[in-house]
Amino acid sequence: EVDGSFDDAVDYLRKKGLAAASKKAGRVAAEGVVA
Protein backbone atom coordinates (compact mmCIF):
# COMPACT_ATOMS: atom_id res chain seq x y z
CA GLU A 1 0.00 0.00 0.00
CA VAL A 2 2.90 2.39 0.72
CA ASP A 3 5.21 1.35 -2.15
CA GLY A 4 7.67 -0.46 0.14
CA SER A 5 8.40 2.38 2.61
CA PHE A 6 9.16 0.74 5.97
CA ASP A 7 8.22 3.72 8.19
CA ASP A 8 5.02 4.36 6.24
CA ALA A 9 4.13 0.67 6.54
CA VAL A 10 4.53 0.86 10.33
CA ASP A 11 2.21 3.88 10.39
CA TYR A 12 -0.28 2.12 8.07
CA LEU A 13 -0.51 -0.88 10.42
CA ARG A 14 -0.87 1.35 13.47
CA LYS A 15 -3.67 3.33 11.85
CA LYS A 16 -5.47 0.06 11.13
CA GLY A 17 -4.99 -0.97 14.76
CA LEU A 18 -2.81 -3.90 13.68
CA ALA A 19 0.36 -2.76 15.44
CA ALA A 20 1.25 -1.04 18.68
CA ALA A 21 3.42 2.07 18.82
CA SER A 22 6.98 0.86 18.64
CA LYS A 23 10.52 2.09 19.01
CA LYS A 24 13.25 1.01 16.69
CA ALA A 25 15.74 -0.51 19.12
CA GLY A 26 17.73 -2.22 16.37
CA ARG A 27 18.34 -5.94 15.94
CA VAL A 28 20.96 -7.49 18.19
CA ALA A 29 23.19 -8.67 15.38
CA ALA A 30 26.77 -8.87 16.70
CA GLU A 31 28.54 -10.58 19.58
CA GLY A 32 31.02 -9.24 22.11
CA VAL A 33 30.25 -7.22 25.21
CA VAL A 34 28.88 -3.95 26.53
CA ALA A 35 30.80 -2.93 29.65
Full PDB file with SEQRES, HELIX, SHEET, SSBOND, CRYST1, ORIGX, SCALE, CONECT and MASTER records, all heavy atoms in Angstrom:
SEQRES   1 A   35  GLU VAL ASP GLY SER PHE ASP ASP ALA VAL ASP TYR LEU          
SEQRES   2 A   35  ARG LYS LYS GLY LEU ALA ALA ALA SER LYS LYS ALA GLY          
SEQRES   3 A   35  ARG VAL ALA ALA GLU GLY VAL VAL ALA                          
HELIX    1 AA1 PHE A    6  LYS A   15  1                                  10    
CRYST1    1.000    1.000    1.000  90.00  90.00  90.00 P 1           1          
ORIGX1      1.000000  0.000000  0.000000        0.00000                         
ORIGX2      0.000000  1.000000  0.000000        0.00000                         
ORIGX3      0.000000  0.000000  1.000000        0.00000                         
SCALE1      1.000000  0.000000  0.000000        0.00000                         
SCALE2      0.000000  1.000000  0.000000        0.00000                         
SCALE3      0.000000  0.000000  1.000000        0.00000                         
ATOM      1  N   GLU A   1       0.817  -1.222   0.000  1.00  0.00           N  
ATOM      2  CA  GLU A   1       0.000   0.000   0.000  1.00  0.00           C  
ATOM      3  C   GLU A   1       0.851   1.274   0.000  1.00  0.00           C  
ATOM      4  O   GLU A   1       0.415   2.325  -0.468  1.00  0.00           O  
ATOM      5  CB  GLU A   1      -0.922   0.007   1.219  1.00  0.00           C  
ATOM      6  CG  GLU A   1      -2.048  -1.008   1.168  1.00  0.00           C  
ATOM      7  CD  GLU A   1      -3.131  -0.638   0.167  1.00  0.00           C  
ATOM      8  OE1 GLU A   1      -3.260   0.565  -0.150  1.00  0.00           O  
ATOM      9  OE2 GLU A   1      -3.833  -1.550  -0.306  1.00  0.00           O  
ATOM     10  N   VAL A   2       2.060   1.180   0.564  1.00  0.00           N  
ATOM     11  CA  VAL A   2       2.902   2.386   0.717  1.00  0.00           C  
ATOM     12  C   VAL A   2       4.165   2.310  -0.144  1.00  0.00           C  
ATOM     13  O   VAL A   2       5.163   2.965   0.138  1.00  0.00           O  
ATOM     14  CB  VAL A   2       3.278   2.618   2.198  1.00  0.00           C  
ATOM     15  CG1 VAL A   2       2.035   2.866   3.022  1.00  0.00           C  
ATOM     16  CG2 VAL A   2       4.064   1.428   2.761  1.00  0.00           C  
ATOM     17  N   ASP A   3       4.117   1.461  -1.180  1.00  0.00           N  
ATOM     18  CA  ASP A   3       5.214   1.349  -2.149  1.00  0.00           C  
ATOM     19  C   ASP A   3       6.538   0.964  -1.482  1.00  0.00           C  
ATOM     20  O   ASP A   3       7.597   1.462  -1.849  1.00  0.00           O  
ATOM     21  CB  ASP A   3       5.390   2.667  -2.910  1.00  0.00           C  
ATOM     22  CG  ASP A   3       6.157   2.471  -4.219  1.00  0.00           C  
ATOM     23  OD1 ASP A   3       6.142   1.342  -4.766  1.00  0.00           O  
ATOM     24  OD2 ASP A   3       6.805   3.442  -4.665  1.00  0.00           O  
ATOM     25  N   GLY A   4       6.465   0.113  -0.453  1.00  0.00           N  
ATOM     26  CA  GLY A   4       7.669  -0.460   0.143  1.00  0.00           C  
ATOM     27  C   GLY A   4       8.323   0.368   1.232  1.00  0.00           C  
ATOM     28  O   GLY A   4       9.335  -0.057   1.797  1.00  0.00           O  
ATOM     29  N   SER A   5       7.792   1.533   1.571  1.00  0.00           N  
ATOM     30  CA  SER A   5       8.398   2.379   2.612  1.00  0.00           C  
ATOM     31  C   SER A   5       8.174   1.754   3.985  1.00  0.00           C  
ATOM     32  O   SER A   5       7.027   1.572   4.418  1.00  0.00           O  
ATOM     33  CB  SER A   5       7.804   3.784   2.588  1.00  0.00           C  
ATOM     34  OG  SER A   5       8.197   4.510   3.741  1.00  0.00           O  
ATOM     35  N   PHE A   6       9.268   1.442   4.694  1.00  0.00           N  
ATOM     36  CA  PHE A   6       9.161   0.744   5.974  1.00  0.00           C  
ATOM     37  C   PHE A   6       8.424   1.591   7.012  1.00  0.00           C  
ATOM     38  O   PHE A   6       7.483   1.130   7.672  1.00  0.00           O  
ATOM     39  CB  PHE A   6      10.553   0.363   6.496  1.00  0.00           C  
ATOM     40  CG  PHE A   6      10.518  -0.447   7.758  1.00  0.00           C  
ATOM     41  CD1 PHE A   6      10.316  -1.815   7.709  1.00  0.00           C  
ATOM     42  CD2 PHE A   6      10.686   0.148   8.991  1.00  0.00           C  
ATOM     43  CE1 PHE A   6      10.263  -2.570   8.864  1.00  0.00           C  
ATOM     44  CE2 PHE A   6      10.641  -0.598  10.157  1.00  0.00           C  
ATOM     45  CZ  PHE A   6      10.436  -1.958  10.097  1.00  0.00           C  
ATOM     46  N   ASP A   7       8.841   2.851   7.188  1.00  0.00           N  
ATOM     47  CA  ASP A   7       8.216   3.723   8.188  1.00  0.00           C  
ATOM     48  C   ASP A   7       6.737   3.952   7.886  1.00  0.00           C  
ATOM     49  O   ASP A   7       5.895   3.942   8.794  1.00  0.00           O  
ATOM     50  CB  ASP A   7       8.938   5.067   8.271  1.00  0.00           C  
ATOM     51  CG  ASP A   7      10.281   4.959   8.969  1.00  0.00           C  
ATOM     52  OD1 ASP A   7      10.523   3.956   9.663  1.00  0.00           O  
ATOM     53  OD2 ASP A   7      11.087   5.893   8.822  1.00  0.00           O  
ATOM     54  N   ASP A   8       6.417   4.155   6.611  1.00  0.00           N  
ATOM     55  CA  ASP A   8       5.020   4.359   6.239  1.00  0.00           C  
ATOM     56  C   ASP A   8       4.199   3.095   6.481  1.00  0.00           C  
ATOM     57  O   ASP A   8       3.016   3.165   6.849  1.00  0.00           O  
ATOM     58  CB  ASP A   8       4.913   4.770   4.763  1.00  0.00           C  
ATOM     59  CG  ASP A   8       5.409   6.187   4.526  1.00  0.00           C  
ATOM     60  OD1 ASP A   8       5.571   6.930   5.520  1.00  0.00           O  
ATOM     61  OD2 ASP A   8       5.638   6.545   3.359  1.00  0.00           O  
ATOM     62  N   ALA A   9       4.825   1.931   6.293  1.00  0.00           N  
ATOM     63  CA  ALA A   9       4.126   0.669   6.539  1.00  0.00           C  
ATOM     64  C   ALA A   9       3.826   0.491   8.024  1.00  0.00           C  
ATOM     65  O   ALA A   9       2.750   0.002   8.402  1.00  0.00           O  
ATOM     66  CB  ALA A   9       4.958  -0.507   6.025  1.00  0.00           C  
ATOM     67  N   VAL A  10       4.775   0.904   8.880  1.00  0.00           N  
ATOM     68  CA  VAL A  10       4.533   0.857  10.329  1.00  0.00           C  
ATOM     69  C   VAL A  10       3.335   1.737  10.676  1.00  0.00           C  
ATOM     70  O   VAL A  10       2.430   1.335  11.412  1.00  0.00           O  
ATOM     71  CB  VAL A  10       5.785   1.319  11.109  1.00  0.00           C  
ATOM     72  CG1 VAL A  10       5.454   1.463  12.599  1.00  0.00           C  
ATOM     73  CG2 VAL A  10       6.922   0.323  10.930  1.00  0.00           C  
ATOM     74  N   ASP A  11       3.317   2.963  10.129  1.00  0.00           N  
ATOM     75  CA  ASP A  11       2.207   3.881  10.395  1.00  0.00           C  
ATOM     76  C   ASP A  11       0.885   3.315   9.859  1.00  0.00           C  
ATOM     77  O   ASP A  11      -0.169   3.444  10.497  1.00  0.00           O  
ATOM     78  CB  ASP A  11       2.479   5.241   9.756  1.00  0.00           C  
ATOM     79  CG  ASP A  11       3.571   6.008  10.492  1.00  0.00           C  
ATOM     80  OD1 ASP A  11       3.939   5.581  11.604  1.00  0.00           O  
ATOM     81  OD2 ASP A  11       4.047   7.025   9.946  1.00  0.00           O  
ATOM     82  N   TYR A  12       0.921   2.723   8.679  1.00  0.00           N  
ATOM     83  CA  TYR A  12      -0.275   2.122   8.073  1.00  0.00           C  
ATOM     84  C   TYR A  12      -0.872   1.068   9.005  1.00  0.00           C  
ATOM     85  O   TYR A  12      -2.092   1.064   9.260  1.00  0.00           O  
ATOM     86  CB  TYR A  12       0.088   1.498   6.722  1.00  0.00           C  
ATOM     87  CG  TYR A  12      -1.045   0.755   6.039  1.00  0.00           C  
ATOM     88  CD1 TYR A  12      -1.876   1.401   5.129  1.00  0.00           C  
ATOM     89  CD2 TYR A  12      -1.265  -0.602   6.312  1.00  0.00           C  
ATOM     90  CE1 TYR A  12      -2.912   0.708   4.503  1.00  0.00           C  
ATOM     91  CE2 TYR A  12      -2.297  -1.292   5.689  1.00  0.00           C  
ATOM     92  CZ  TYR A  12      -3.116  -0.623   4.790  1.00  0.00           C  
ATOM     93  OH  TYR A  12      -4.144  -1.304   4.175  1.00  0.00           O  
ATOM     94  N   LEU A  13      -0.029   0.175   9.528  1.00  0.00           N  
ATOM     95  CA  LEU A  13      -0.507  -0.879  10.416  1.00  0.00           C  
ATOM     96  C   LEU A  13      -1.054  -0.314  11.718  1.00  0.00           C  
ATOM     97  O   LEU A  13      -2.049  -0.792  12.256  1.00  0.00           O  
ATOM     98  CB  LEU A  13       0.620  -1.879  10.696  1.00  0.00           C  
ATOM     99  CG  LEU A  13       1.024  -2.754   9.505  1.00  0.00           C  
ATOM    100  CD1 LEU A  13       2.323  -3.483   9.802  1.00  0.00           C  
ATOM    101  CD2 LEU A  13      -0.081  -3.750   9.180  1.00  0.00           C  
ATOM    102  N   ARG A  14      -0.393   0.736  12.229  1.00  0.00           N  
ATOM    103  CA  ARG A  14      -0.866   1.350  13.470  1.00  0.00           C  
ATOM    104  C   ARG A  14      -2.224   2.015  13.267  1.00  0.00           C  
ATOM    105  O   ARG A  14      -3.099   1.940  14.129  1.00  0.00           O  
ATOM    106  CB  ARG A  14       0.155   2.360  13.978  1.00  0.00           C  
ATOM    107  CG  ARG A  14       1.455   1.719  14.477  1.00  0.00           C  
ATOM    108  CD  ARG A  14       2.374   2.752  15.069  1.00  0.00           C  
ATOM    109  NE  ARG A  14       1.729   3.446  16.171  1.00  0.00           N  
ATOM    110  CZ  ARG A  14       2.037   4.676  16.576  1.00  0.00           C  
ATOM    111  NH1 ARG A  14       2.969   5.354  15.949  1.00  0.00           N  
ATOM    112  NH2 ARG A  14       1.409   5.219  17.587  1.00  0.00           N  
ATOM    113  N   LYS A  15      -2.391   2.682  12.129  1.00  0.00           N  
ATOM    114  CA  LYS A  15      -3.673   3.334  11.846  1.00  0.00           C  
ATOM    115  C   LYS A  15      -4.799   2.312  11.732  1.00  0.00           C  
ATOM    116  O   LYS A  15      -5.949   2.596  12.070  1.00  0.00           O  
ATOM    117  CB  LYS A  15      -3.568   4.141  10.545  1.00  0.00           C  
ATOM    118  CG  LYS A  15      -2.698   5.384  10.663  1.00  0.00           C  
ATOM    119  CD  LYS A  15      -2.496   6.040   9.303  1.00  0.00           C  
ATOM    120  CE  LYS A  15      -1.519   7.196   9.385  1.00  0.00           C  
ATOM    121  NZ  LYS A  15      -1.257   7.815   8.063  1.00  0.00           N  
ATOM    122  N   LYS A  16      -4.484   1.130  11.255  1.00  0.00           N  
ATOM    123  CA  LYS A  16      -5.471   0.061  11.135  1.00  0.00           C  
ATOM    124  C   LYS A  16      -5.661  -0.685  12.454  1.00  0.00           C  
ATOM    125  O   LYS A  16      -6.465  -1.617  12.538  1.00  0.00           O  
ATOM    126  CB  LYS A  16      -5.036  -0.930  10.041  1.00  0.00           C  
ATOM    127  CG  LYS A  16      -4.962  -0.341   8.644  1.00  0.00           C  
ATOM    128  CD  LYS A  16      -6.335   0.054   8.131  1.00  0.00           C  
ATOM    129  CE  LYS A  16      -6.266   0.538   6.698  1.00  0.00           C  
ATOM    130  NZ  LYS A  16      -7.592   0.940   6.180  1.00  0.00           N  
ATOM    131  N   GLY A  17      -4.896  -0.290  13.471  1.00  0.00           N  
ATOM    132  CA  GLY A  17      -4.990  -0.968  14.758  1.00  0.00           C  
ATOM    133  C   GLY A  17      -4.339  -2.326  14.768  1.00  0.00           C  
ATOM    134  O   GLY A  17      -4.615  -3.162  15.633  1.00  0.00           O  
ATOM    135  N   LEU A  18      -3.451  -2.585  13.807  1.00  0.00           N  
ATOM    136  CA  LEU A  18      -2.813  -3.899  13.682  1.00  0.00           C  
ATOM    137  C   LEU A  18      -1.433  -3.947  14.322  1.00  0.00           C  
ATOM    138  O   LEU A  18      -0.792  -4.987  14.359  1.00  0.00           O  
ATOM    139  CB  LEU A  18      -2.694  -4.282  12.203  1.00  0.00           C  
ATOM    140  CG  LEU A  18      -4.021  -4.418  11.460  1.00  0.00           C  
ATOM    141  CD1 LEU A  18      -3.775  -4.611   9.966  1.00  0.00           C  
ATOM    142  CD2 LEU A  18      -4.831  -5.579  12.030  1.00  0.00           C  
ATOM    143  N   ALA A  19      -0.962  -2.795  14.813  1.00  0.00           N  
ATOM    144  CA  ALA A  19       0.365  -2.760  15.440  1.00  0.00           C  
ATOM    145  C   ALA A  19       0.367  -1.718  16.539  1.00  0.00           C  
ATOM    146  O   ALA A  19      -0.278  -0.676  16.437  1.00  0.00           O  
ATOM    147  CB  ALA A  19       1.438  -2.432  14.400  1.00  0.00           C  
ATOM    148  N   ALA A  20       1.101  -1.996  17.587  1.00  0.00           N  
ATOM    149  CA  ALA A  20       1.254  -1.039  18.676  1.00  0.00           C  
ATOM    150  C   ALA A  20       2.342  -0.044  18.333  1.00  0.00           C  
ATOM    151  O   ALA A  20       3.180  -0.297  17.466  1.00  0.00           O  
ATOM    152  CB  ALA A  20       1.614  -1.769  19.965  1.00  0.00           C  
ATOM    153  N   ALA A  21       2.326   1.126  18.992  1.00  0.00           N  
ATOM    154  CA  ALA A  21       3.424   2.075  18.824  1.00  0.00           C  
ATOM    155  C   ALA A  21       4.716   1.382  19.183  1.00  0.00           C  
ATOM    156  O   ALA A  21       4.796   0.649  20.160  1.00  0.00           O  
ATOM    157  CB  ALA A  21       3.201   3.286  19.722  1.00  0.00           C  
ATOM    158  N   SER A  22       5.739   1.586  18.392  1.00  0.00           N  
ATOM    159  CA  SER A  22       6.979   0.862  18.641  1.00  0.00           C  
ATOM    160  C   SER A  22       8.181   1.763  18.469  1.00  0.00           C  
ATOM    161  O   SER A  22       8.141   2.767  17.783  1.00  0.00           O  
ATOM    162  CB  SER A  22       7.097  -0.337  17.691  1.00  0.00           C  
ATOM    163  OG  SER A  22       7.095   0.108  16.367  1.00  0.00           O  
ATOM    164  N   LYS A  23       9.252   1.389  19.127  1.00  0.00           N  
ATOM    165  CA  LYS A  23      10.524   2.093  19.012  1.00  0.00           C  
ATOM    166  C   LYS A  23      11.474   1.181  18.246  1.00  0.00           C  
ATOM    167  O   LYS A  23      11.488  -0.032  18.439  1.00  0.00           O  
ATOM    168  CB  LYS A  23      11.110   2.391  20.401  1.00  0.00           C  
ATOM    169  CG  LYS A  23      10.172   3.168  21.294  1.00  0.00           C  
ATOM    170  CD  LYS A  23      10.838   3.480  22.606  1.00  0.00           C  
ATOM    171  CE  LYS A  23      10.960   2.255  23.485  1.00  0.00           C  
ATOM    172  NZ  LYS A  23       9.685   1.822  24.021  1.00  0.00           N  
ATOM    173  N   LYS A  24      12.254   1.799  17.398  1.00  0.00           N  
ATOM    174  CA  LYS A  24      13.252   1.010  16.693  1.00  0.00           C  
ATOM    175  C   LYS A  24      14.461   0.862  17.595  1.00  0.00           C  
ATOM    176  O   LYS A  24      15.277   1.751  17.719  1.00  0.00           O  
ATOM    177  CB  LYS A  24      13.646   1.697  15.387  1.00  0.00           C  
ATOM    178  CG  LYS A  24      12.534   1.706  14.348  1.00  0.00           C  
ATOM    179  CD  LYS A  24      13.035   2.332  13.067  1.00  0.00           C  
ATOM    180  CE  LYS A  24      11.937   2.328  12.024  1.00  0.00           C  
ATOM    181  NZ  LYS A  24      12.386   2.950  10.773  1.00  0.00           N  
ATOM    182  N   ALA A  25      14.600  -0.284  18.232  1.00  0.00           N  
ATOM    183  CA  ALA A  25      15.736  -0.509  19.119  1.00  0.00           C  
ATOM    184  C   ALA A  25      16.903  -1.105  18.346  1.00  0.00           C  
ATOM    185  O   ALA A  25      18.024  -1.127  18.835  1.00  0.00           O  
ATOM    186  CB  ALA A  25      15.336  -1.444  20.254  1.00  0.00           C  
ATOM    187  N   GLY A  26      16.646  -1.594  17.128  1.00  0.00           N  
ATOM    188  CA  GLY A  26      17.728  -2.219  16.368  1.00  0.00           C  
ATOM    189  C   GLY A  26      17.824  -3.706  16.707  1.00  0.00           C  
ATOM    190  O   GLY A  26      17.578  -4.113  17.840  1.00  0.00           O  
ATOM    191  N   ARG A  27      18.170  -4.506  15.727  1.00  0.00           N  
ATOM    192  CA  ARG A  27      18.340  -5.937  15.941  1.00  0.00           C  
ATOM    193  C   ARG A  27      19.690  -6.208  16.582  1.00  0.00           C  
ATOM    194  O   ARG A  27      20.701  -5.657  16.182  1.00  0.00           O  
ATOM    195  CB  ARG A  27      18.273  -6.658  14.590  1.00  0.00           C  
ATOM    196  CG  ARG A  27      16.947  -6.514  13.867  1.00  0.00           C  
ATOM    197  CD  ARG A  27      15.897  -7.408  14.463  1.00  0.00           C  
ATOM    198  NE  ARG A  27      16.349  -8.786  14.479  1.00  0.00           N  
ATOM    199  CZ  ARG A  27      16.287  -9.591  13.413  1.00  0.00           C  
ATOM    200  NH1 ARG A  27      15.833  -9.140  12.268  1.00  0.00           N  
ATOM    201  NH2 ARG A  27      16.715 -10.835  13.486  1.00  0.00           N  
ATOM    202  N   VAL A  28      19.696  -7.055  17.619  1.00  0.00           N  
ATOM    203  CA  VAL A  28      20.962  -7.491  18.190  1.00  0.00           C  
ATOM    204  C   VAL A  28      21.601  -8.423  17.177  1.00  0.00           C  
ATOM    205  O   VAL A  28      21.124  -9.523  16.943  1.00  0.00           O  
ATOM    206  CB  VAL A  28      20.753  -8.218  19.530  1.00  0.00           C  
ATOM    207  CG1 VAL A  28      22.068  -8.779  20.039  1.00  0.00           C  
ATOM    208  CG2 VAL A  28      20.159  -7.266  20.557  1.00  0.00           C  
ATOM    209  N   ALA A  29      22.673  -7.951  16.536  1.00  0.00           N  
ATOM    210  CA  ALA A  29      23.194  -8.666  15.377  1.00  0.00           C  
ATOM    211  C   ALA A  29      24.702  -8.843  15.411  1.00  0.00           C  
ATOM    212  O   ALA A  29      25.302  -9.114  14.388  1.00  0.00           O  
ATOM    213  CB  ALA A  29      22.796  -7.922  14.106  1.00  0.00           C  
ATOM    214  N   ALA A  30      25.325  -8.674  16.564  1.00  0.00           N  
ATOM    215  CA  ALA A  30      26.771  -8.871  16.700  1.00  0.00           C  
ATOM    216  C   ALA A  30      27.061  -9.327  18.114  1.00  0.00           C  
ATOM    217  O   ALA A  30      26.334  -9.011  19.045  1.00  0.00           O  
ATOM    218  CB  ALA A  30      27.525  -7.585  16.391  1.00  0.00           C  
ATOM    219  N   GLU A  31      28.146 -10.082  18.261  1.00  0.00           N  
ATOM    220  CA  GLU A  31      28.536 -10.577  19.581  1.00  0.00           C  
ATOM    221  C   GLU A  31      29.597  -9.670  20.195  1.00  0.00           C  
ATOM    222  O   GLU A  31      30.027  -8.686  19.603  1.00  0.00           O  
ATOM    223  CB  GLU A  31      29.045 -12.015  19.455  1.00  0.00           C  
ATOM    224  CG  GLU A  31      28.042 -12.969  18.841  1.00  0.00           C  
ATOM    225  CD  GLU A  31      26.742 -13.074  19.612  1.00  0.00           C  
ATOM    226  OE1 GLU A  31      26.743 -12.769  20.823  1.00  0.00           O  
ATOM    227  OE2 GLU A  31      25.724 -13.448  19.010  1.00  0.00           O  
ATOM    228  N   GLY A  32      30.044 -10.039  21.386  1.00  0.00           N  
ATOM    229  CA  GLY A  32      31.021  -9.236  22.106  1.00  0.00           C  
ATOM    230  C   GLY A  32      30.487  -8.873  23.466  1.00  0.00           C  
ATOM    231  O   GLY A  32      29.862  -9.695  24.134  1.00  0.00           O  
ATOM    232  N   VAL A  33      30.677  -7.610  23.869  1.00  0.00           N  
ATOM    233  CA  VAL A  33      30.247  -7.218  25.208  1.00  0.00           C  
ATOM    234  C   VAL A  33      30.005  -5.720  25.270  1.00  0.00           C  
ATOM    235  O   VAL A  33      30.642  -4.931  24.570  1.00  0.00           O  
ATOM    236  CB  VAL A  33      31.318  -7.629  26.252  1.00  0.00           C  
ATOM    237  CG1 VAL A  33      32.578  -6.789  26.117  1.00  0.00           C  
ATOM    238  CG2 VAL A  33      30.782  -7.548  27.676  1.00  0.00           C  
ATOM    239  N   VAL A  34      29.054  -5.332  26.110  1.00  0.00           N  
ATOM    240  CA  VAL A  34      28.881  -3.947  26.532  1.00  0.00           C  
ATOM    241  C   VAL A  34      29.314  -3.894  27.995  1.00  0.00           C  
ATOM    242  O   VAL A  34      28.817  -4.663  28.832  1.00  0.00           O  
ATOM    243  CB  VAL A  34      27.419  -3.474  26.396  1.00  0.00           C  
ATOM    244  CG1 VAL A  34      27.252  -2.081  26.993  1.00  0.00           C  
ATOM    245  CG2 VAL A  34      26.991  -3.484  24.931  1.00  0.00           C  
ATOM    246  N   ALA A  35      30.253  -3.021  28.296  1.00  0.00           N  
ATOM    247  CA  ALA A  35      30.804  -2.930  29.650  1.00  0.00           C  
ATOM    248  C   ALA A  35      30.676  -1.508  30.171  1.00  0.00           C  
ATOM    249  O   ALA A  35      30.608  -0.545  29.392  1.00  0.00           O  
ATOM    250  CB  ALA A  35      32.272  -3.359  29.658  1.00  0.00           C  
TER     251      ALA A  35                                                      
MASTER        0    0    0    1    0    0    0    6  250    1    0    3          
END                                                                             
